[in-house]
């Protein structure tokens, strides 16, 4: 992709992918504030690097990888490890969505990411495999384990 006007390009990308980036960051970091930090960092990196993308799918994949890496960096930061998490409630349109969100939040991060990409971003297993640089069978087994954990969580309710 050619960049004739950097600001217009960034506006277009932010408009197109902002919800996806924020949702993925929220799933991985668990708080609105941390998700906002990751969100800002992702688009800051995009504006600094301005990589050449071969396609829209390449661009989207790059943004997902950067979101995952930024959230991983945030979660591993010394500052975050030395702070106490505030318990906040996020409001949803339905009680079911509320329960699903919090059930997914209880999953290990490796499962959360795959569940998010599969169910919320509609990626296929082979696409998730490429994005996360994992074998397809690993993605399948993580998804199966996540479903099993979610099923067990649902039985508790």
Protein backbone atom coordinates (compact mmCIF):
# COMPACT_ATOMS: atom_id res chain seq x y z
CA UNK A 1 0.00 0.00 0.00
CA UNK A 2 1.24 3.42 -0.86
CA UNK A 3 0.99 6.29 1.61
CA UNK A 4 0.19 9.58 -0.05
CA UNK A 5 -1.15 11.21 3.09
CA UNK A 6 -0.03 9.71 6.40
CA UNK A 7 -2.77 11.34 8.49
CA UNK A 8 -5.57 10.22 6.18
CA UNK A 9 -4.17 6.71 6.12
CA UNK A 10 -3.96 6.58 9.94
CA UNK A 11 -7.51 7.93 10.27
CA UNK A 12 -8.76 5.24 7.89
CA UNK A 13 -6.94 2.45 9.75
CA UNK A 14 -8.08 3.68 13.16
CA UNK A 15 -11.67 3.92 11.97
CA UNK A 16 -11.54 0.46 10.45
CA UNK A 17 -9.70 -1.46 13.20
CA UNK A 18 -10.15 0.49 16.43
CA UNK A 19 -12.94 -1.72 17.79
CA UNK A 20 -11.04 -4.91 17.00
CA UNK A 21 -7.83 -3.63 18.62
CA UNK A 22 -9.62 -2.36 21.72
CA UNK A 23 -11.63 -5.58 22.19
CA UNK A 24 -8.54 -7.77 21.83
CA UNK A 25 -6.60 -5.57 24.25
CA UNK A 26 -9.50 -5.66 26.73
CA UNK A 27 -9.73 -9.44 26.55
CA UNK A 28 -6.02 -9.79 27.18
CA UNK A 29 -5.51 -7.07 29.83
CA UNK A 30 -8.87 -7.24 31.68
CA UNK A 31 -9.26 -3.51 32.39
CA UNK A 32 -10.44 -0.57 30.32
CA UNK A 33 -7.45 1.53 31.33
CA UNK A 34 -4.91 -1.10 30.29
CA UNK A 35 -6.80 -1.77 27.06
CA UNK A 36 -6.71 1.95 26.28
CA UNK A 37 -2.95 2.03 26.91
CA UNK A 38 -2.41 -0.91 24.57
CA UNK A 39 -4.73 0.62 21.98
CA UNK A 40 -2.75 3.86 21.96
CA UNK A 41 0.56 2.03 21.81
CA UNK A 42 -0.54 -0.05 18.81
CA UNK A 43 -1.51 2.98 16.76
CA UNK A 44 1.56 4.90 17.91
CA UNK A 45 3.76 2.07 16.63
CA UNK A 46 1.86 2.05 13.35
CA UNK A 47 2.37 5.79 12.89
CA UNK A 48 6.08 5.55 13.72
CA UNK A 49 6.88 2.49 11.59
CA UNK A 50 4.41 2.95 8.73
CA UNK A 51 5.17 -0.54 7.40
CA UNK A 52 4.44 -1.52 3.81
CA UNK A 53 1.58 -4.00 3.80
CA UNK A 54 1.02 -6.43 0.95
CA UNK A 55 -2.72 -6.59 1.55
CA UNK A 56 -5.50 -5.63 3.91
CA UNK A 57 -5.21 -9.03 5.58
CA UNK A 58 -1.48 -8.44 6.14
CA UNK A 59 -2.27 -5.07 7.70
CA UNK A 60 -4.93 -6.58 10.01
CA UNK A 61 -2.62 -9.44 10.97
CA UNK A 62 0.18 -6.98 11.81
CA UNK A 63 -2.16 -4.96 14.03
CA UNK A 64 -3.29 -8.10 15.87
CA UNK A 65 0.30 -9.21 16.47
CA UNK A 66 1.29 -5.78 17.75
CA UNK A 67 -1.77 -5.73 20.04
CA UNK A 68 -0.82 -9.12 21.45
CA UNK A 69 2.80 -8.06 21.96
CA UNK A 70 1.88 -4.73 23.56
CA UNK A 71 -0.58 -6.37 25.94
CA UNK A 72 2.03 -9.01 26.80
CA UNK A 73 4.58 -6.27 27.51
CA UNK A 74 2.10 -4.39 29.67
CA UNK A 75 1.14 -7.49 31.65
CA UNK A 76 4.81 -8.33 32.23
CA UNK A 77 5.81 -4.80 33.23
CA UNK A 78 7.22 -4.24 36.70
CA UNK A 79 4.86 -1.33 37.24
CA UNK A 80 1.77 -3.46 36.66
CA UNK A 81 3.10 -6.29 38.82
CA UNK A 82 3.49 -3.83 41.72
CA UNK A 83 -0.03 -2.41 41.45
CA UNK A 84 -3.31 -3.74 42.68
CA UNK A 85 -6.06 -4.33 40.14
CA UNK A 86 -9.26 -2.36 40.62
CA UNK A 87 -12.36 -4.49 40.32
CA UNK A 88 -14.56 -2.77 37.78
CA UNK A 89 -17.81 -3.77 36.19
CA UNK A 90 -18.24 -3.44 32.45
CA UNK A 91 -21.84 -3.06 31.34
CA UNK A 92 -23.33 -5.22 28.60
CA UNK A 93 -26.60 -5.19 26.70
CA UNK A 94 -27.62 -8.59 28.02
CA UNK A 95 -26.86 -10.68 31.11
CA UNK A 96 -25.71 -13.50 28.84
CA UNK A 97 -23.02 -11.33 27.24
CA UNK A 98 -21.92 -10.26 30.71
CA UNK A 99 -21.53 -13.88 31.84
CA UNK A 100 -19.74 -14.92 28.64
CA UNK A 101 -17.28 -12.03 28.90
CA UNK A 102 -16.36 -12.84 32.50
CA UNK A 103 -16.14 -16.57 31.77
CA UNK A 104 -13.70 -15.84 28.91
CA UNK A 105 -11.72 -13.52 31.22
CA UNK A 106 -11.06 -16.45 33.55
CA UNK A 107 -9.31 -18.38 30.78
CA UNK A 108 -5.50 -18.37 30.53
CA UNK A 109 -4.34 -15.65 28.13
CA UNK A 110 -3.24 -18.18 25.47
CA UNK A 111 -6.81 -19.47 25.29
CA UNK A 112 -8.44 -16.03 25.52
CA UNK A 113 -6.59 -14.78 22.47
CA UNK A 114 -7.59 -17.74 20.34
CA UNK A 115 -11.22 -17.62 21.52
CA UNK A 116 -11.34 -13.92 20.73
CA UNK A 117 -9.85 -14.28 17.27
CA UNK A 118 -12.06 -17.26 16.44
CA UNK A 119 -15.42 -16.10 17.82
CA UNK A 120 -15.24 -12.31 17.82
CA UNK A 121 -13.03 -11.63 14.82
CA UNK A 122 -14.24 -14.65 12.79
CA UNK A 123 -10.80 -15.95 11.90
CA UNK A 124 -10.45 -19.55 10.76
CA UNK A 125 -8.08 -21.91 12.55
CA UNK A 126 -5.52 -21.80 9.74
CA UNK A 127 -5.57 -17.97 9.80
CA UNK A 128 -5.09 -17.88 13.59
CA UNK A 129 -2.24 -20.32 13.15
CA UNK A 130 -0.48 -17.94 10.75
CA UNK A 131 -1.14 -14.83 12.85
CA UNK A 132 0.11 -16.39 16.08
CA UNK A 133 2.82 -18.45 14.37
CA UNK A 134 1.52 -21.68 15.89
CA UNK A 135 0.77 -25.06 14.40
CA UNK A 136 -2.86 -25.52 13.38
CA UNK A 137 -3.17 -28.52 15.71
CA UNK A 138 -2.01 -26.36 18.63
CA UNK A 139 -4.67 -23.77 17.82
CA UNK A 140 -7.28 -26.54 17.58
CA UNK A 141 -6.28 -28.06 20.92
CA UNK A 142 -6.21 -24.64 22.67
CA UNK A 143 -9.66 -23.88 21.28
CA UNK A 144 -10.96 -27.27 22.40
CA UNK A 145 -9.49 -26.78 25.89
CA UNK A 146 -10.95 -23.29 26.10
CA UNK A 147 -14.39 -24.59 25.11
CA UNK A 148 -14.12 -27.32 27.74
CA UNK A 149 -13.18 -24.79 30.43
CA UNK A 150 -16.05 -22.53 29.37
CA UNK A 151 -18.45 -25.46 29.44
CA UNK A 152 -17.33 -26.35 32.97
CA UNK A 153 -17.74 -22.68 33.98
CA UNK A 154 -21.29 -22.66 32.53
CA UNK A 155 -22.18 -25.76 34.56
CA UNK A 156 -21.28 -23.89 37.74
CA UNK A 157 -23.99 -21.28 37.01
